[in-house]
N, C-alpha and C. Protein backbone atom coordinates (compact mmCIF):
# COMPACT_ATOMS: atom_id res chain seq x y z
N MET A 1 5.35 -18.22 92.58
CA MET A 1 6.57 -17.69 93.36
C MET A 1 6.41 -16.31 93.09
N SER A 2 6.42 -15.19 94.18
CA SER A 2 6.18 -14.03 94.08
C SER A 2 7.56 -13.52 93.47
N ARG A 3 7.44 -12.23 92.87
CA ARG A 3 8.59 -11.74 92.27
C ARG A 3 9.76 -11.41 93.10
N LEU A 4 9.26 -11.10 94.19
CA LEU A 4 10.44 -10.60 95.48
C LEU A 4 11.23 -11.77 95.68
N LEU A 5 10.49 -13.23 95.91
CA LEU A 5 11.25 -14.33 96.21
C LEU A 5 12.23 -14.81 94.76
N GLN A 6 11.68 -14.58 93.71
CA GLN A 6 12.41 -14.69 92.48
C GLN A 6 13.72 -13.82 92.59
N LEU A 7 13.52 -12.56 92.91
CA LEU A 7 14.65 -11.72 92.67
C LEU A 7 15.54 -12.14 93.95
N VAL A 8 15.08 -12.61 95.00
CA VAL A 8 16.04 -13.06 96.14
C VAL A 8 16.80 -14.23 95.76
N PHE A 9 16.25 -15.17 95.16
CA PHE A 9 16.73 -16.54 94.73
C PHE A 9 17.72 -16.33 93.62
N SER A 10 17.54 -15.23 92.59
CA SER A 10 18.43 -14.84 91.67
C SER A 10 19.82 -14.14 92.20
N CYS A 11 19.46 -13.21 93.09
CA CYS A 11 20.57 -12.84 93.75
C CYS A 11 21.55 -13.60 94.44
N LEU A 12 20.96 -14.73 94.99
CA LEU A 12 21.70 -15.61 95.97
C LEU A 12 22.55 -16.66 94.84
N LEU A 13 21.88 -16.90 93.58
CA LEU A 13 22.67 -17.62 92.70
C LEU A 13 23.76 -16.94 92.05
N LEU A 14 23.50 -15.60 91.97
CA LEU A 14 24.69 -14.73 91.26
C LEU A 14 25.85 -14.61 92.37
N TRP A 15 25.44 -14.27 93.68
CA TRP A 15 26.60 -14.04 94.54
C TRP A 15 27.02 -15.18 95.21
N GLY A 16 26.60 -16.51 95.20
CA GLY A 16 27.24 -17.42 95.79
C GLY A 16 26.75 -17.54 97.38
N PRO A 17 27.24 -18.49 98.10
CA PRO A 17 26.82 -18.66 99.31
C PRO A 17 27.29 -17.43 100.25
N PRO A 18 26.41 -17.34 101.26
CA PRO A 18 26.58 -16.28 102.10
C PRO A 18 28.15 -16.33 102.85
N ALA A 19 28.91 -15.14 103.21
CA ALA A 19 30.25 -15.07 103.62
C ALA A 19 30.22 -16.16 104.86
N TRP A 20 29.33 -16.19 105.81
CA TRP A 20 29.39 -16.93 107.00
C TRP A 20 29.60 -18.25 106.62
N ALA A 21 28.83 -18.82 105.31
CA ALA A 21 29.10 -20.25 105.11
C ALA A 21 30.20 -20.71 104.60
N GLN A 22 31.07 -19.52 103.75
CA GLN A 22 32.22 -19.63 103.31
C GLN A 22 33.40 -19.76 104.51
N ASP A 23 33.06 -18.97 105.45
CA ASP A 23 33.94 -18.84 106.79
C ASP A 23 33.90 -20.21 107.35
N GLN A 24 32.80 -20.60 107.60
CA GLN A 24 32.69 -22.15 108.04
C GLN A 24 33.39 -23.09 107.48
N LEU A 25 33.39 -23.17 106.10
CA LEU A 25 33.91 -24.13 105.05
C LEU A 25 35.39 -23.86 105.52
N LYS A 26 35.99 -22.86 105.55
CA LYS A 26 37.73 -22.32 105.85
C LYS A 26 37.80 -22.98 106.97
N LEU A 27 36.94 -22.95 108.11
CA LEU A 27 37.20 -23.30 109.54
C LEU A 27 37.24 -24.77 109.43
N HIS A 28 36.45 -25.52 108.87
CA HIS A 28 36.58 -26.98 108.64
C HIS A 28 37.90 -27.50 107.83
N GLU A 29 38.17 -26.71 106.65
CA GLU A 29 39.48 -27.00 106.04
C GLU A 29 40.62 -26.89 106.88
N SER A 30 40.78 -25.72 107.56
CA SER A 30 41.95 -25.49 108.52
C SER A 30 42.05 -26.48 109.65
N ARG A 31 41.01 -26.84 110.29
CA ARG A 31 41.09 -27.93 111.14
C ARG A 31 41.51 -29.39 110.59
N GLY A 32 40.78 -29.42 109.40
CA GLY A 32 41.28 -30.82 108.87
C GLY A 32 42.83 -30.67 108.51
N GLU A 33 43.32 -29.59 107.83
CA GLU A 33 44.76 -29.63 107.51
C GLU A 33 45.52 -29.87 108.90
N LEU A 34 45.32 -29.10 109.82
CA LEU A 34 46.01 -29.54 110.96
C LEU A 34 45.97 -31.09 111.41
N LEU A 35 44.84 -31.62 111.49
CA LEU A 35 44.81 -33.05 111.69
C LEU A 35 45.60 -33.82 110.76
N TYR A 36 45.49 -33.43 109.60
CA TYR A 36 46.07 -34.37 108.49
C TYR A 36 47.51 -34.05 108.76
N SER A 37 48.02 -32.81 108.84
CA SER A 37 49.17 -32.62 109.35
C SER A 37 50.03 -33.38 110.24
N ASN A 38 49.28 -33.40 111.48
CA ASN A 38 49.77 -34.04 112.82
C ASN A 38 49.57 -35.55 112.66
N GLN A 39 48.55 -36.10 111.97
CA GLN A 39 48.59 -37.62 111.96
C GLN A 39 48.65 -38.37 110.77
N CYS A 40 48.85 -37.73 109.47
CA CYS A 40 48.66 -38.40 108.21
C CYS A 40 50.01 -38.16 107.46
N ARG A 41 50.35 -36.85 107.57
CA ARG A 41 51.41 -36.55 106.45
C ARG A 41 52.84 -37.25 106.60
N ALA A 42 52.99 -37.78 107.71
CA ALA A 42 54.44 -38.70 108.01
C ALA A 42 54.48 -39.65 107.09
N CYS A 43 53.32 -40.27 106.70
CA CYS A 43 53.31 -41.61 105.76
C CYS A 43 52.88 -41.12 104.49
N HIS A 44 51.98 -39.95 104.39
CA HIS A 44 51.60 -39.45 102.99
C HIS A 44 52.29 -38.46 102.23
N SER A 45 52.82 -38.45 101.19
CA SER A 45 53.29 -37.63 100.41
C SER A 45 52.23 -37.04 99.64
N GLU A 46 52.54 -35.81 98.91
CA GLU A 46 51.59 -35.41 98.06
C GLU A 46 51.24 -36.08 97.13
N LYS A 47 51.91 -37.03 96.54
CA LYS A 47 51.88 -37.99 95.29
C LYS A 47 50.56 -39.16 95.51
N ILE A 48 50.42 -39.27 96.76
CA ILE A 48 49.39 -40.34 96.75
C ILE A 48 48.13 -40.06 96.68
N HIS A 49 47.91 -38.69 96.54
CA HIS A 49 46.56 -38.15 96.00
C HIS A 49 46.37 -38.13 94.71
N TRP A 50 47.36 -38.28 94.05
CA TRP A 50 47.27 -38.26 92.48
C TRP A 50 47.82 -39.61 91.91
N ARG A 51 48.07 -40.68 92.37
CA ARG A 51 48.37 -41.90 91.87
C ARG A 51 47.29 -42.39 91.02
N ALA A 52 47.63 -43.11 89.95
CA ALA A 52 46.65 -43.68 88.79
C ALA A 52 45.65 -44.52 89.47
N GLN A 53 45.92 -45.28 90.53
CA GLN A 53 45.01 -46.43 91.09
C GLN A 53 44.35 -45.90 92.16
N LYS A 54 43.81 -44.57 92.36
CA LYS A 54 43.35 -43.97 93.47
C LYS A 54 41.94 -44.53 93.94
N ARG A 55 41.43 -44.81 94.77
CA ARG A 55 40.22 -45.14 95.36
C ARG A 55 39.27 -44.02 95.54
N VAL A 56 39.69 -42.88 95.73
CA VAL A 56 38.86 -41.74 95.79
C VAL A 56 38.34 -41.13 94.46
N THR A 57 37.21 -41.11 94.18
CA THR A 57 36.63 -40.63 92.90
C THR A 57 35.30 -39.63 93.13
N ASP A 58 35.19 -39.52 94.47
CA ASP A 58 34.03 -38.48 94.67
C ASP A 58 33.95 -38.19 96.15
N TRP A 59 33.12 -37.23 96.48
CA TRP A 59 33.25 -36.89 97.88
C TRP A 59 32.75 -37.89 98.92
N ARG A 60 31.91 -38.81 98.34
CA ARG A 60 31.67 -40.03 99.28
C ARG A 60 32.78 -40.96 99.56
N SER A 61 33.30 -41.23 98.52
CA SER A 61 34.44 -42.21 98.51
C SER A 61 35.84 -41.40 99.59
N LEU A 62 35.84 -40.10 99.35
CA LEU A 62 36.85 -39.45 100.02
C LEU A 62 36.53 -39.76 101.73
N LYS A 63 35.22 -39.23 102.09
CA LYS A 63 35.03 -39.48 103.22
C LYS A 63 35.26 -40.75 103.77
N ARG A 64 34.84 -42.07 103.00
CA ARG A 64 34.97 -43.51 103.35
C ARG A 64 36.62 -43.51 103.53
N GLU A 65 37.27 -43.10 102.62
CA GLU A 65 38.98 -43.44 102.74
C GLU A 65 39.51 -42.73 103.99
N VAL A 66 38.90 -41.67 104.29
CA VAL A 66 39.33 -40.86 105.69
C VAL A 66 38.98 -41.58 106.69
N ARG A 67 37.82 -41.97 106.95
CA ARG A 67 37.25 -42.95 107.95
C ARG A 67 37.89 -44.07 107.99
N ARG A 68 38.12 -44.74 106.95
CA ARG A 68 38.87 -46.09 106.94
C ARG A 68 40.34 -45.98 107.45
N TRP A 69 41.01 -45.05 107.21
CA TRP A 69 42.37 -44.95 107.38
C TRP A 69 42.61 -44.35 108.98
N GLN A 70 41.72 -43.37 109.39
CA GLN A 70 41.95 -42.94 110.72
C GLN A 70 41.43 -44.32 111.63
N GLY A 71 40.57 -45.19 111.22
CA GLY A 71 40.32 -46.39 112.18
C GLY A 71 41.41 -47.20 112.14
N SER A 72 42.08 -47.42 110.59
CA SER A 72 43.27 -48.46 110.63
C SER A 72 44.52 -47.89 111.74
N ILE A 73 44.55 -46.87 111.95
CA ILE A 73 45.68 -46.49 112.78
C ILE A 73 45.12 -46.08 114.22
N GLY A 74 43.76 -46.20 114.43
CA GLY A 74 43.49 -46.16 115.78
C GLY A 74 43.19 -44.80 116.42
N LEU A 75 42.93 -43.73 115.31
CA LEU A 75 42.72 -42.55 115.83
C LEU A 75 41.49 -42.00 116.59
N ASN A 76 40.60 -42.82 116.40
CA ASN A 76 39.18 -42.56 116.91
C ASN A 76 38.75 -41.12 116.68
N TRP A 77 38.81 -40.52 115.30
CA TRP A 77 38.11 -39.40 115.22
C TRP A 77 36.80 -39.27 115.28
N THR A 78 36.25 -38.04 115.69
CA THR A 78 34.86 -37.81 115.57
C THR A 78 34.43 -37.89 114.06
N GLU A 79 33.22 -37.94 113.86
CA GLU A 79 32.50 -37.71 112.48
C GLU A 79 32.88 -36.20 111.96
N GLU A 80 32.69 -35.37 112.92
CA GLU A 80 33.22 -33.83 112.53
C GLU A 80 34.73 -33.91 112.00
N GLU A 81 35.66 -34.56 112.79
CA GLU A 81 37.03 -34.57 112.40
C GLU A 81 37.22 -35.14 111.09
N ILE A 82 36.49 -36.46 110.77
CA ILE A 82 36.51 -36.99 109.54
C ILE A 82 36.08 -36.10 108.33
N THR A 83 34.97 -35.42 108.68
CA THR A 83 34.54 -34.26 107.78
C THR A 83 35.62 -33.38 107.51
N ASP A 84 36.00 -32.75 108.60
CA ASP A 84 37.16 -31.75 108.44
C ASP A 84 38.35 -32.16 107.66
N VAL A 85 38.81 -33.38 107.82
CA VAL A 85 40.01 -33.77 107.26
C VAL A 85 39.59 -33.73 105.73
N ALA A 86 38.36 -34.51 105.35
CA ALA A 86 38.01 -34.61 103.98
C ALA A 86 37.59 -33.22 103.22
N HIS A 87 37.22 -32.30 103.94
CA HIS A 87 37.09 -31.16 103.47
C HIS A 87 38.38 -30.54 103.15
N TYR A 88 39.55 -30.63 103.88
CA TYR A 88 40.89 -30.07 103.65
C TYR A 88 41.40 -30.85 102.36
N LEU A 89 41.35 -32.00 102.14
CA LEU A 89 41.77 -32.90 101.14
C LEU A 89 41.20 -32.60 99.83
N ASN A 90 39.91 -32.35 100.08
CA ASN A 90 39.11 -32.00 98.92
C ASN A 90 39.47 -30.41 98.25
N ALA A 91 39.57 -29.76 99.07
CA ALA A 91 40.14 -28.28 98.88
C ALA A 91 41.59 -28.53 98.28
N ALA A 92 42.47 -29.11 98.67
CA ALA A 92 43.89 -29.35 98.42
C ALA A 92 44.15 -30.10 97.32
N HIS A 93 43.43 -31.22 97.15
CA HIS A 93 43.69 -32.29 95.94
C HIS A 93 42.65 -32.49 95.05
N TYR A 94 41.52 -32.80 95.44
CA TYR A 94 40.44 -33.35 94.63
C TYR A 94 39.32 -32.50 94.08
N HIS A 95 39.00 -31.31 94.65
CA HIS A 95 37.79 -30.59 94.22
C HIS A 95 36.61 -30.91 93.48
N PHE A 96 35.96 -31.75 94.40
CA PHE A 96 34.70 -32.39 93.89
C PHE A 96 33.69 -31.44 94.23
């Protein structure tokens, strides 16, 4: 690997993801929060995400539970909406 490439990779590791990637994640979290607030918060208190017998243990199980529950109540969310809600819940509660 050239010295220039090594320098570029080192800088990326130090500075983290580019700003546009962070902005995209914030956009997904915002849309996810809106969907969650409008469709889920009526039945879910904050405590449900911290209970002892939770089914969510990682990112994969978080998406699975969002998919399962939106299907159970007939929301018919797109895969992007499911991911957005999972991003919001991850940022707000789980931190995977």
